[in-house]
């Protein structure tokens, strides 16, 4: 392993340990959420969609203003940040924290750090593309933003947000059970078939 790889691994371990320390009070809740998001039981996907649907139906029914909705959202986060570290040990029992749970918690924190690094990496690549190929950057950004604007015009804001939130919450389970890999593989095969058919026609 090179010095660069060693530094990267050490930095990853350091960032993971720091995140573990910050989220220690949320440990039991994070592990419970992880079990739900990874679909450890068959009813978890339906329960997730049901909970998200209920929340969005309440938002639709109450129809709060943007400022009211934002204030309520931040207020719920503040309450959770204050209450969960205090109540979680009493609800779950701090004496039940096992080595296996600690290992899983460490893996979750490591995955979160790696996800954050990927997002930062994509962001840096966008700016690198802007510096290296400004015309490609400009055309790509205009096309993507125009597509997003068109989708936003066709679909109601709240329903679009509901779809995005539902997909993001189902994504870990889809990934865990190999559903994404399966369908991506099917799409790749279909594309390859189409390309081969075009090649044969050209010949």
N, C-alpha and C. Protein backbone atom coordinates (compact mmCIF):
# COMPACT_ATOMS: atom_id res chain seq x y z
N UNK A 1 0.85 -1.20 0.00
CA UNK A 1 0.00 0.00 0.00
C UNK A 1 0.88 1.25 0.00
N UNK A 2 0.61 2.22 -0.85
CA UNK A 2 1.43 3.42 -0.97
C UNK A 2 1.16 4.37 0.20
N UNK A 3 2.04 5.40 0.31
CA UNK A 3 1.88 6.39 1.38
C UNK A 3 0.56 7.15 1.23
N UNK A 4 0.18 7.42 -0.04
CA UNK A 4 -1.08 8.13 -0.29
C UNK A 4 -2.28 7.32 0.18
N UNK A 5 -2.23 5.99 -0.09
CA UNK A 5 -3.31 5.11 0.36
C UNK A 5 -3.36 5.02 1.88
N UNK A 6 -2.17 4.98 2.51
CA UNK A 6 -2.10 4.94 3.98
C UNK A 6 -2.69 6.20 4.59
N UNK A 7 -2.35 7.35 4.01
CA UNK A 7 -2.87 8.63 4.52
C UNK A 7 -4.38 8.68 4.35
N UNK A 8 -4.86 8.21 3.19
CA UNK A 8 -6.29 8.21 2.93
C UNK A 8 -7.03 7.30 3.91
N UNK A 9 -6.47 6.10 4.16
CA UNK A 9 -7.08 5.15 5.10
C UNK A 9 -7.08 5.71 6.52
N UNK A 10 -5.96 6.35 6.91
CA UNK A 10 -5.88 6.95 8.26
C UNK A 10 -6.87 8.09 8.42
N UNK A 11 -7.01 8.90 7.36
CA UNK A 11 -7.96 10.02 7.40
C UNK A 11 -9.39 9.50 7.48
N UNK A 12 -9.68 8.44 6.71
CA UNK A 12 -11.02 7.84 6.76
C UNK A 12 -11.32 7.30 8.15
N UNK A 13 -10.34 6.61 8.76
CA UNK A 13 -10.52 6.07 10.11
C UNK A 13 -10.73 7.18 11.13
N UNK A 14 -9.97 8.26 10.96
CA UNK A 14 -10.09 9.41 11.88
C UNK A 14 -11.46 10.07 11.76
N UNK A 15 -11.91 10.29 10.52
CA UNK A 15 -13.23 10.91 10.30
C UNK A 15 -14.36 10.01 10.80
N UNK A 16 -14.20 8.70 10.60
CA UNK A 16 -15.21 7.74 11.07
C UNK A 16 -15.29 7.76 12.60
N UNK A 17 -14.13 7.76 13.26
CA UNK A 17 -14.11 7.80 14.73
C UNK A 17 -14.74 9.08 15.26
N UNK A 18 -14.46 10.19 14.58
CA UNK A 18 -15.03 11.49 14.99
C UNK A 18 -16.55 11.48 14.84
N UNK A 19 -17.04 10.91 13.72
CA UNK A 19 -18.48 10.83 13.50
C UNK A 19 -19.14 9.90 14.53
N UNK A 20 -18.48 8.78 14.84
CA UNK A 20 -19.00 7.86 15.87
C UNK A 20 -19.16 8.59 17.20
N UNK A 21 -18.16 9.39 17.53
CA UNK A 21 -18.21 10.14 18.80
C UNK A 21 -19.38 11.13 18.79
N UNK A 22 -19.59 11.80 17.65
CA UNK A 22 -20.68 12.78 17.55
C UNK A 22 -22.06 12.12 17.64
N UNK A 23 -22.19 10.93 17.06
CA UNK A 23 -23.49 10.25 16.97
C UNK A 23 -23.70 9.20 18.06
N UNK A 24 -22.82 9.16 19.06
CA UNK A 24 -22.89 8.11 20.07
C UNK A 24 -24.24 8.07 20.78
N UNK A 25 -24.82 9.24 21.07
CA UNK A 25 -26.12 9.30 21.73
C UNK A 25 -27.26 8.79 20.87
N UNK A 26 -27.03 8.76 19.55
CA UNK A 26 -28.04 8.32 18.59
C UNK A 26 -27.84 6.86 18.18
N UNK A 27 -26.89 6.17 18.79
CA UNK A 27 -26.50 4.83 18.36
C UNK A 27 -27.65 3.85 18.21
N UNK A 28 -28.46 3.72 19.27
CA UNK A 28 -29.57 2.75 19.25
C UNK A 28 -30.59 3.10 18.17
N UNK A 29 -30.87 4.39 18.03
CA UNK A 29 -31.84 4.85 17.03
C UNK A 29 -31.31 4.60 15.62
N UNK A 30 -30.03 4.88 15.40
CA UNK A 30 -29.42 4.66 14.09
C UNK A 30 -29.44 3.19 13.72
N UNK A 31 -29.16 2.32 14.68
CA UNK A 31 -29.19 0.87 14.40
C UNK A 31 -30.61 0.40 14.08
N UNK A 32 -31.60 0.94 14.81
CA UNK A 32 -33.00 0.57 14.53
C UNK A 32 -33.40 1.05 13.13
N UNK A 33 -33.02 2.30 12.80
CA UNK A 33 -33.32 2.85 11.46
C UNK A 33 -32.61 2.04 10.38
N UNK A 34 -31.39 1.61 10.66
CA UNK A 34 -30.62 0.81 9.70
C UNK A 34 -31.33 -0.51 9.41
N UNK A 35 -31.87 -1.15 10.46
CA UNK A 35 -32.60 -2.41 10.26
C UNK A 35 -33.84 -2.20 9.38
N UNK A 36 -34.52 -1.07 9.60
CA UNK A 36 -35.71 -0.76 8.81
C UNK A 36 -35.34 -0.47 7.36
N UNK A 37 -34.31 0.37 7.17
CA UNK A 37 -33.93 0.79 5.82
C UNK A 37 -33.33 -0.35 5.00
N UNK A 38 -32.75 -1.34 5.68
CA UNK A 38 -32.17 -2.49 4.96
C UNK A 38 -33.17 -3.65 4.81
N UNK A 39 -34.41 -3.42 5.26
CA UNK A 39 -35.50 -4.40 5.10
C UNK A 39 -35.17 -5.73 5.75
N UNK A 40 -34.82 -5.71 7.04
CA UNK A 40 -34.54 -6.97 7.73
C UNK A 40 -35.81 -7.82 7.89
N UNK A 41 -36.97 -7.16 7.83
CA UNK A 41 -38.24 -7.89 7.82
C UNK A 41 -39.04 -7.46 6.59
N UNK A 42 -39.92 -8.35 6.14
CA UNK A 42 -40.65 -8.10 4.90
C UNK A 42 -41.61 -6.91 5.01
N UNK A 43 -42.07 -6.61 6.22
CA UNK A 43 -43.04 -5.51 6.36
C UNK A 43 -42.39 -4.13 6.40
N UNK A 44 -41.07 -4.07 6.51
CA UNK A 44 -40.40 -2.77 6.66
C UNK A 44 -40.56 -1.84 5.45
N UNK A 45 -40.47 -2.34 4.19
CA UNK A 45 -40.69 -1.42 3.05
C UNK A 45 -42.08 -0.80 3.07
N UNK A 46 -43.10 -1.63 3.36
CA UNK A 46 -44.48 -1.12 3.42
C UNK A 46 -44.64 -0.12 4.56
N UNK A 47 -44.00 -0.41 5.71
CA UNK A 47 -44.08 0.50 6.85
C UNK A 47 -43.41 1.84 6.52
N UNK A 48 -42.29 1.78 5.82
CA UNK A 48 -41.57 3.01 5.43
C UNK A 48 -42.43 3.87 4.51
N UNK A 49 -42.99 3.24 3.48
CA UNK A 49 -43.84 3.97 2.53
C UNK A 49 -45.09 4.50 3.24
N UNK A 50 -45.65 3.70 4.15
CA UNK A 50 -46.83 4.14 4.90
C UNK A 50 -46.55 5.36 5.75
N UNK A 51 -45.40 5.36 6.45
CA UNK A 51 -45.03 6.49 7.30
C UNK A 51 -44.79 7.75 6.46
N UNK A 52 -44.06 7.59 5.36
CA UNK A 52 -43.78 8.74 4.48
C UNK A 52 -45.08 9.27 3.88
N UNK A 53 -45.96 8.37 3.45
CA UNK A 53 -47.24 8.78 2.87
C UNK A 53 -48.09 9.54 3.88
N UNK A 54 -48.11 9.06 5.13
CA UNK A 54 -48.88 9.73 6.18
C UNK A 54 -48.36 11.15 6.42
N UNK A 55 -47.03 11.29 6.50
CA UNK A 55 -46.43 12.61 6.74
C UNK A 55 -46.77 13.56 5.60
N UNK A 56 -46.65 13.09 4.36
CA UNK A 56 -46.92 13.96 3.22
C UNK A 56 -48.41 14.27 3.07
N UNK A 57 -49.27 13.33 3.46
CA UNK A 57 -50.71 13.61 3.45
C UNK A 57 -51.06 14.68 4.48
N UNK A 58 -50.39 14.63 5.64
CA UNK A 58 -50.60 15.65 6.67
C UNK A 58 -50.14 17.02 6.17
N UNK A 59 -48.99 17.04 5.49
CA UNK A 59 -48.49 18.31 4.93
C UNK A 59 -49.47 18.84 3.88
N UNK A 60 -49.97 17.93 3.03
CA UNK A 60 -50.94 18.33 2.00
C UNK A 60 -52.22 18.86 2.63
N UNK A 61 -52.68 18.18 3.68
CA UNK A 61 -53.94 18.59 4.34
C UNK A 61 -53.78 19.93 5.06
N UNK A 62 -52.68 20.10 5.80
CA UNK A 62 -52.47 21.33 6.57
C UNK A 62 -52.05 22.49 5.68
N UNK A 63 -51.36 22.17 4.57
CA UNK A 63 -50.91 23.17 3.60
C UNK A 63 -50.20 24.35 4.27
N UNK A 64 -49.10 24.08 5.01
CA UNK A 64 -48.40 25.17 5.67
C UNK A 64 -47.61 26.02 4.66
N UNK A 65 -47.34 27.25 5.04
CA UNK A 65 -46.50 28.09 4.20
C UNK A 65 -45.07 27.57 4.27
N UNK A 66 -44.21 28.05 3.36
CA UNK A 66 -42.81 27.60 3.32
C UNK A 66 -42.12 27.91 4.65
N UNK A 67 -42.35 29.12 5.17
CA UNK A 67 -41.69 29.53 6.42
C UNK A 67 -42.18 28.69 7.60
N UNK A 68 -43.49 28.42 7.65
CA UNK A 68 -44.04 27.60 8.73
C UNK A 68 -43.52 26.17 8.65
N UNK A 69 -43.51 25.61 7.44
CA UNK A 69 -43.01 24.25 7.24
C UNK A 69 -41.55 24.13 7.62
N UNK A 70 -40.74 25.10 7.22
CA UNK A 70 -39.31 25.09 7.54
C UNK A 70 -39.09 25.22 9.05
N UNK A 71 -39.85 26.12 9.68
CA UNK A 71 -39.73 26.31 11.14
C UNK A 71 -40.10 25.04 11.89
N UNK A 72 -41.19 24.39 11.49
CA UNK A 72 -41.62 23.15 12.14
C UNK A 72 -40.60 22.04 11.95
N UNK A 73 -40.03 21.96 10.74
CA UNK A 73 -39.02 20.94 10.45
C UNK A 73 -37.78 21.13 11.34
N UNK A 74 -37.29 22.37 11.43
CA UNK A 74 -36.11 22.65 12.27
C UNK A 74 -36.44 22.42 13.74
N UNK A 75 -37.66 22.77 14.16
CA UNK A 75 -38.08 22.57 15.54
C UNK A 75 -38.08 21.08 15.90
N UNK A 76 -38.58 20.24 14.98
CA UNK A 76 -38.59 18.79 15.22
C UNK A 76 -37.16 18.26 15.34
N UNK A 77 -36.26 18.75 14.48
CA UNK A 77 -34.85 18.33 14.54
C UNK A 77 -34.23 18.73 15.87
N UNK A 78 -34.51 19.95 16.33
CA UNK A 78 -33.97 20.42 17.61
C UNK A 78 -34.49 19.58 18.78
N UNK A 79 -35.80 19.28 18.75
CA UNK A 79 -36.39 18.45 19.80
C UNK A 79 -35.78 17.04 19.80
N UNK A 80 -35.62 16.47 18.60
CA UNK A 80 -35.03 15.14 18.49
C UNK A 80 -33.58 15.14 18.98
N UNK A 81 -32.84 16.19 18.62
CA UNK A 81 -31.44 16.29 19.02
C UNK A 81 -31.30 16.40 20.54
N UNK A 82 -32.30 16.99 21.17
CA UNK A 82 -32.25 17.15 22.62
C UNK A 82 -32.78 15.90 23.35
N UNK A 83 -33.88 15.33 22.84
CA UNK A 83 -34.57 14.26 23.57
C UNK A 83 -33.99 12.87 23.30
N UNK A 84 -33.60 12.59 22.05
CA UNK A 84 -33.19 11.22 21.71
C UNK A 84 -31.96 10.75 22.49
N UNK A 85 -30.87 11.55 22.58
CA UNK A 85 -29.73 11.07 23.38
C UNK A 85 -30.09 10.82 24.84
N UNK A 86 -31.11 11.53 25.36
CA UNK A 86 -31.51 11.35 26.75
C UNK A 86 -32.43 10.13 26.92
N UNK A 87 -33.37 9.97 26.00
CA UNK A 87 -34.39 8.92 26.14
C UNK A 87 -33.96 7.58 25.56
N UNK A 88 -33.10 7.58 24.54
CA UNK A 88 -32.73 6.32 23.86
C UNK A 88 -32.16 5.27 24.81
N UNK A 89 -31.21 5.62 25.72
CA UNK A 89 -30.69 4.59 26.63
C UNK A 89 -31.78 3.99 27.53
N UNK A 90 -32.77 4.80 27.91
CA UNK A 90 -33.84 4.29 28.77
C UNK A 90 -34.78 3.36 28.00
N UNK A 91 -35.02 3.72 26.72
CA UNK A 91 -35.94 2.91 25.90
C UNK A 91 -35.28 1.60 25.47
N UNK A 92 -34.05 1.69 24.93
CA UNK A 92 -33.38 0.52 24.39
C UNK A 92 -32.55 -0.23 25.42
N UNK A 93 -32.13 0.49 26.47
CA UNK A 93 -31.28 -0.13 27.49
C UNK A 93 -29.82 -0.10 27.10
N UNK A 94 -29.05 0.77 27.75
CA UNK A 94 -27.63 0.95 27.38
C UNK A 94 -26.81 -0.30 27.67
N UNK A 95 -27.28 -1.16 28.62
CA UNK A 95 -26.53 -2.37 28.95
C UNK A 95 -26.63 -3.44 27.87
N UNK A 96 -27.50 -3.24 26.88
CA UNK A 96 -27.70 -4.22 25.80
C UNK A 96 -26.78 -3.96 24.61
N UNK A 97 -25.94 -2.92 24.66
CA UNK A 97 -25.05 -2.56 23.55
C UNK A 97 -23.96 -3.61 23.44
N UNK A 98 -23.98 -4.41 22.38
CA UNK A 98 -23.06 -5.52 22.21
C UNK A 98 -21.92 -5.17 21.26
N UNK A 99 -20.94 -6.06 21.17
CA UNK A 99 -19.81 -5.87 20.25
C UNK A 99 -20.30 -5.86 18.80
N UNK A 100 -21.27 -6.73 18.51
CA UNK A 100 -21.83 -6.80 17.16
C UNK A 100 -22.52 -5.48 16.79
N UNK A 101 -23.27 -4.91 17.73
CA UNK A 101 -23.93 -3.63 17.48
C UNK A 101 -22.90 -2.52 17.28
N UNK A 102 -21.83 -2.54 18.09
CA UNK A 102 -20.77 -1.54 17.95
C UNK A 102 -20.09 -1.65 16.59
N UNK A 103 -19.90 -2.88 16.12
CA UNK A 103 -19.28 -3.10 14.81
C UNK A 103 -20.18 -2.56 13.70
N UNK A 104 -21.49 -2.85 13.81
CA UNK A 104 -22.44 -2.37 12.80
C UNK A 104 -22.50 -0.85 12.82
N UNK A 105 -22.50 -0.25 14.01
CA UNK A 105 -22.50 1.21 14.14
C UNK A 105 -21.26 1.82 13.50
N UNK A 106 -20.12 1.15 13.69
CA UNK A 106 -18.87 1.60 13.06
C UNK A 106 -18.98 1.54 11.54
N UNK A 107 -19.57 0.46 11.01
CA UNK A 107 -19.75 0.31 9.56
C UNK A 107 -20.67 1.41 9.00
N UNK A 108 -21.75 1.70 9.72
CA UNK A 108 -22.68 2.75 9.28
C UNK A 108 -21.97 4.09 9.22
N UNK A 109 -21.21 4.41 10.26
CA UNK A 109 -20.48 5.69 10.29
C UNK A 109 -19.46 5.75 9.16
N UNK A 110 -18.78 4.62 8.91
CA UNK A 110 -17.83 4.56 7.79
C UNK A 110 -18.52 4.78 6.45
N UNK A 111 -19.70 4.17 6.27
CA UNK A 111 -20.46 4.37 5.03
C UNK A 111 -20.90 5.82 4.86
N UNK A 112 -21.30 6.45 5.96
CA UNK A 112 -21.70 7.86 5.90
C UNK A 112 -20.53 8.76 5.51
N UNK A 113 -19.36 8.47 6.07
CA UNK A 113 -18.16 9.26 5.73
C UNK A 113 -17.80 9.06 4.26
N UNK A 114 -17.86 7.81 3.78
CA UNK A 114 -17.55 7.54 2.37
C UNK A 114 -18.56 8.21 1.44
N UNK A 115 -19.84 8.22 1.82
CA UNK A 115 -20.86 8.89 1.01
C UNK A 115 -20.59 10.38 0.94
N UNK A 116 -20.23 10.97 2.09
CA UNK A 116 -19.89 12.40 2.11
C UNK A 116 -18.70 12.69 1.20
N UNK A 117 -17.71 11.80 1.23
CA UNK A 117 -16.53 11.98 0.37
C UNK A 117 -16.90 11.90 -1.11
N UNK A 118 -17.80 10.96 -1.45
CA UNK A 118 -18.23 10.83 -2.85
C UNK A 118 -18.93 12.11 -3.32
N UNK A 119 -19.81 12.65 -2.48
CA UNK A 119 -20.53 13.88 -2.85
C UNK A 119 -19.56 15.03 -3.06
N UNK A 120 -18.59 15.16 -2.13
CA UNK A 120 -17.57 16.21 -2.27
C UNK A 120 -16.74 15.97 -3.53
N UNK A 121 -16.43 14.70 -3.81
CA UNK A 121 -15.67 14.37 -5.03
C UNK A 121 -16.41 14.75 -6.29
N UNK A 122 -17.71 14.45 -6.34
CA UNK A 122 -18.53 14.84 -7.51
C UNK A 122 -18.55 16.36 -7.66
N UNK A 123 -18.70 17.06 -6.53
CA UNK A 123 -18.72 18.52 -6.56
C UNK A 123 -17.42 19.08 -7.12
N UNK A 124 -16.29 18.50 -6.69
CA UNK A 124 -14.99 18.94 -7.17
C UNK A 124 -14.81 18.64 -8.65
N UNK A 125 -15.34 17.48 -9.10
CA UNK A 125 -15.24 17.13 -10.52
C UNK A 125 -16.00 18.12 -11.39
N UNK A 126 -17.15 18.58 -10.88
CA UNK A 126 -17.93 19.58 -11.63
C UNK A 126 -17.12 20.85 -11.81
N UNK A 127 -16.46 21.30 -10.75
CA UNK A 127 -15.66 22.53 -10.85
C UNK A 127 -14.40 22.31 -11.68
N UNK A 128 -13.85 21.07 -11.61
CA UNK A 128 -12.70 20.76 -12.46
C UNK A 128 -13.10 20.78 -13.93
N UNK A 129 -14.30 20.25 -14.23
CA UNK A 129 -14.82 20.30 -15.60
C UNK A 129 -15.02 21.73 -16.06
N UNK A 130 -15.47 22.59 -15.15
CA UNK A 130 -15.67 24.01 -15.48
C UNK A 130 -14.35 24.66 -15.87
N UNK A 131 -13.28 24.30 -15.16
CA UNK A 131 -11.96 24.89 -15.44
C UNK A 131 -11.35 24.31 -16.72
N UNK A 132 -11.50 22.97 -16.90
CA UNK A 132 -10.83 22.31 -18.02
C UNK A 132 -11.62 22.42 -19.33
N UNK A 133 -12.95 22.23 -19.26
CA UNK A 133 -13.78 22.24 -20.46
C UNK A 133 -15.03 23.11 -20.21
N UNK A 134 -14.87 24.41 -20.24
CA UNK A 134 -15.99 25.30 -19.91
C UNK A 134 -17.21 25.14 -20.82
N UNK A 135 -16.99 24.85 -22.11
CA UNK A 135 -18.12 24.69 -23.03
C UNK A 135 -18.93 23.43 -22.70
N UNK A 136 -18.23 22.34 -22.44
CA UNK A 136 -18.91 21.09 -22.06
C UNK A 136 -19.66 21.28 -20.75
N UNK A 137 -19.01 21.95 -19.79
CA UNK A 137 -19.65 22.24 -18.49
C UNK A 137 -20.93 23.05 -18.70
N UNK A 138 -20.82 24.11 -19.51
CA UNK A 138 -21.96 25.00 -19.75
C UNK A 138 -23.13 24.24 -20.40
N UNK A 139 -22.85 23.49 -21.46
CA UNK A 139 -23.91 22.74 -22.16
C UNK A 139 -24.53 21.68 -21.27
N UNK A 140 -23.68 20.96 -20.51
CA UNK A 140 -24.18 19.92 -19.61
C UNK A 140 -25.09 20.50 -18.54
N UNK A 141 -24.65 21.58 -17.90
CA UNK A 141 -25.43 22.19 -16.83
C UNK A 141 -26.74 22.75 -17.35
N UNK A 142 -26.70 23.39 -18.51
CA UNK A 142 -27.94 23.95 -19.10
C UNK A 142 -28.93 22.85 -19.41
N UNK A 143 -28.46 21.74 -20.01
CA UNK A 143 -29.35 20.62 -20.35
C UNK A 143 -29.95 19.98 -19.10
N UNK A 144 -29.11 19.74 -18.09
CA UNK A 144 -29.60 19.11 -16.86
C UNK A 144 -30.61 20.01 -16.16
N UNK A 145 -30.28 21.31 -16.04
CA UNK A 145 -31.18 22.24 -15.35
C UNK A 145 -32.48 22.43 -16.12
N UNK A 146 -32.40 22.44 -17.45
CA UNK A 146 -33.61 22.55 -18.27
C UNK A 146 -34.50 21.33 -18.08
N UNK A 147 -33.89 20.13 -18.01
CA UNK A 147 -34.65 18.90 -17.78
C UNK A 147 -35.31 18.92 -16.41
N UNK A 148 -34.55 19.33 -15.38
CA UNK A 148 -35.10 19.41 -14.02
C UNK A 148 -36.24 20.43 -13.96
N UNK A 149 -36.06 21.57 -14.63
CA UNK A 149 -37.11 22.60 -14.66
C UNK A 149 -38.37 22.07 -15.35
N UNK A 150 -38.19 21.31 -16.43
CA UNK A 150 -39.34 20.75 -17.14
C UNK A 150 -40.08 19.73 -16.27
N UNK A 151 -39.31 18.86 -15.58
CA UNK A 151 -39.93 17.88 -14.68
C UNK A 151 -40.69 18.59 -13.56
N UNK A 152 -40.07 19.65 -13.00
CA UNK A 152 -40.72 20.42 -11.94
C UNK A 152 -42.01 21.08 -12.41
N UNK A 153 -42.04 21.44 -13.68
CA UNK A 153 -43.25 22.06 -14.24
C UNK A 153 -44.36 21.04 -14.47
N UNK A 154 -43.98 19.81 -14.78
CA UNK A 154 -44.97 18.77 -15.10
C UNK A 154 -45.55 18.11 -13.85
N UNK A 155 -44.74 18.02 -12.78
CA UNK A 155 -45.14 17.28 -11.58
C UNK A 155 -45.30 18.26 -10.42
N UNK A 156 -46.34 18.05 -9.60
CA UNK A 156 -46.59 18.91 -8.44
C UNK A 156 -45.41 18.83 -7.47
N UNK A 157 -45.04 19.98 -6.89
CA UNK A 157 -43.87 20.06 -6.00
C UNK A 157 -43.90 19.04 -4.88
N UNK A 158 -45.04 18.97 -4.18
CA UNK A 158 -45.15 18.08 -3.02
C UNK A 158 -45.07 16.61 -3.44
N UNK A 159 -45.72 16.27 -4.56
CA UNK A 159 -45.67 14.89 -5.04
C UNK A 159 -44.26 14.51 -5.49
N UNK A 160 -43.58 15.45 -6.14
CA UNK A 160 -42.20 15.21 -6.57
C UNK A 160 -41.29 14.99 -5.36
N UNK A 161 -41.47 15.82 -4.34
CA UNK A 161 -40.69 15.66 -3.10
C UNK A 161 -40.99 14.32 -2.45
N UNK A 162 -42.26 13.92 -2.46
CA UNK A 162 -42.67 12.62 -1.90
C UNK A 162 -41.97 11.47 -2.63
N UNK A 163 -41.93 11.55 -3.97
CA UNK A 163 -41.27 10.51 -4.75
C UNK A 163 -39.77 10.44 -4.45
N UNK A 164 -39.14 11.61 -4.35
CA UNK A 164 -37.69 11.65 -4.07
C UNK A 164 -37.39 11.09 -2.69
N UNK A 165 -38.15 11.53 -1.67
CA UNK A 165 -37.93 11.05 -0.30
C UNK A 165 -38.18 9.55 -0.21
N UNK A 166 -39.26 9.07 -0.84
CA UNK A 166 -39.57 7.63 -0.82
C UNK A 166 -38.44 6.82 -1.47
N UNK A 167 -37.95 7.31 -2.62
CA UNK A 167 -36.87 6.59 -3.31
C UNK A 167 -35.61 6.55 -2.46
N UNK A 168 -35.24 7.68 -1.84
CA UNK A 168 -34.02 7.73 -1.03
C UNK A 168 -34.12 6.81 0.19
N UNK A 169 -35.32 6.72 0.79
CA UNK A 169 -35.49 5.85 1.95
C UNK A 169 -35.53 4.37 1.56
N UNK A 170 -35.99 4.08 0.35
CA UNK A 170 -36.02 2.69 -0.12
C UNK A 170 -34.70 2.25 -0.73
N UNK A 171 -33.84 3.21 -1.08
CA UNK A 171 -32.58 2.90 -1.77
C UNK A 171 -31.68 1.92 -1.02
N UNK A 172 -31.46 2.09 0.32
CA UNK A 172 -30.61 1.11 1.02
C UNK A 172 -31.14 -0.32 0.93
N UNK A 173 -32.47 -0.48 1.07
CA UNK A 173 -33.06 -1.81 0.97
C UNK A 173 -32.97 -2.38 -0.43
N UNK A 174 -33.22 -1.53 -1.43
CA UNK A 174 -33.09 -1.97 -2.82
C UNK A 174 -31.67 -2.43 -3.12
N UNK A 175 -30.71 -1.69 -2.60
CA UNK A 175 -29.30 -2.01 -2.80
C UNK A 175 -28.93 -3.28 -2.04
N UNK A 176 -29.41 -3.41 -0.80
CA UNK A 176 -29.09 -4.55 0.05
C UNK A 176 -29.59 -5.87 -0.55
N UNK A 177 -30.77 -5.83 -1.16
CA UNK A 177 -31.38 -7.04 -1.73
C UNK A 177 -31.03 -7.24 -3.20
N UNK A 178 -30.13 -6.43 -3.74
CA UNK A 178 -29.64 -6.62 -5.10
C UNK A 178 -30.62 -6.27 -6.20
N UNK A 179 -31.68 -5.54 -5.85
CA UNK A 179 -32.71 -5.19 -6.84
C UNK A 179 -32.16 -4.19 -7.85
N UNK A 180 -31.41 -3.20 -7.37
CA UNK A 180 -30.85 -2.18 -8.27
C UNK A 180 -29.86 -2.84 -9.23
N UNK A 181 -28.98 -3.69 -8.70
CA UNK A 181 -27.99 -4.37 -9.53
C UNK A 181 -28.67 -5.21 -10.61
N UNK A 182 -29.75 -5.89 -10.22
CA UNK A 182 -30.49 -6.75 -11.15
C UNK A 182 -31.05 -5.94 -12.32
N UNK A 183 -31.74 -4.84 -12.01
CA UNK A 183 -32.39 -4.07 -13.07
C UNK A 183 -31.39 -3.25 -13.89
N UNK A 184 -30.33 -2.78 -13.24
CA UNK A 184 -29.27 -2.09 -14.00
C UNK A 184 -28.62 -3.06 -14.98
N UNK A 185 -28.40 -4.31 -14.52
CA UNK A 185 -27.85 -5.35 -15.41
C UNK A 185 -28.77 -5.63 -16.59
N UNK A 186 -30.08 -5.68 -16.33
CA UNK A 186 -31.05 -5.90 -17.41
C UNK A 186 -31.02 -4.76 -18.42
N UNK A 187 -30.94 -3.52 -17.93
CA UNK A 187 -30.89 -2.35 -18.82
C UNK A 187 -29.62 -2.38 -19.67
N UNK A 188 -28.49 -2.75 -19.04
CA UNK A 188 -27.22 -2.84 -19.78
C UNK A 188 -27.30 -3.89 -20.89
N UNK A 189 -27.93 -5.03 -20.58
CA UNK A 189 -28.08 -6.09 -21.60
C UNK A 189 -28.92 -5.62 -22.77
N UNK A 190 -30.00 -4.90 -22.47
CA UNK A 190 -30.88 -4.39 -23.53
C UNK A 190 -30.14 -3.38 -24.41
N UNK A 191 -29.35 -2.51 -23.76
CA UNK A 191 -28.57 -1.52 -24.52
C UNK A 191 -27.55 -2.21 -25.42
N UNK A 192 -26.88 -3.26 -24.87
CA UNK A 192 -25.90 -4.01 -25.66
C UNK A 192 -26.56 -4.70 -26.85
N UNK A 193 -27.77 -5.25 -26.64
CA UNK A 193 -28.51 -5.88 -27.74
C UNK A 193 -28.82 -4.87 -28.84
N UNK A 194 -29.28 -3.67 -28.42
CA UNK A 194 -29.59 -2.62 -29.39
C UNK A 194 -28.35 -2.20 -30.18
N UNK A 195 -27.22 -2.07 -29.49
CA UNK A 195 -25.97 -1.69 -30.15
C UNK A 195 -25.52 -2.76 -31.14
N UNK A 196 -25.68 -4.05 -30.75
CA UNK A 196 -25.30 -5.14 -31.66
C UNK A 196 -26.19 -5.16 -32.89
N UNK A 197 -27.50 -4.91 -32.68
CA UNK A 197 -28.43 -4.86 -33.81
C UNK A 197 -28.08 -3.74 -34.78
N UNK A 198 -27.67 -2.58 -34.23
CA UNK A 198 -27.27 -1.45 -35.08
C UNK A 198 -26.02 -1.79 -35.87
N UNK A 199 -25.07 -2.47 -35.20
CA UNK A 199 -23.82 -2.86 -35.87
C UNK A 199 -24.11 -3.82 -37.04
N UNK A 200 -25.02 -4.78 -36.80
CA UNK A 200 -25.38 -5.73 -37.86
C UNK A 200 -26.05 -5.03 -39.04
N UNK A 201 -26.91 -4.06 -38.72
CA UNK A 201 -27.59 -3.30 -39.80
C UNK A 201 -26.59 -2.49 -40.60
N UNK A 202 -25.62 -1.90 -39.92
CA UNK A 202 -24.58 -1.11 -40.61
C UNK A 202 -23.71 -1.97 -41.51
N UNK A 203 -23.48 -3.23 -41.06
CA UNK A 203 -22.68 -4.14 -41.88
C UNK A 203 -23.45 -4.56 -43.13
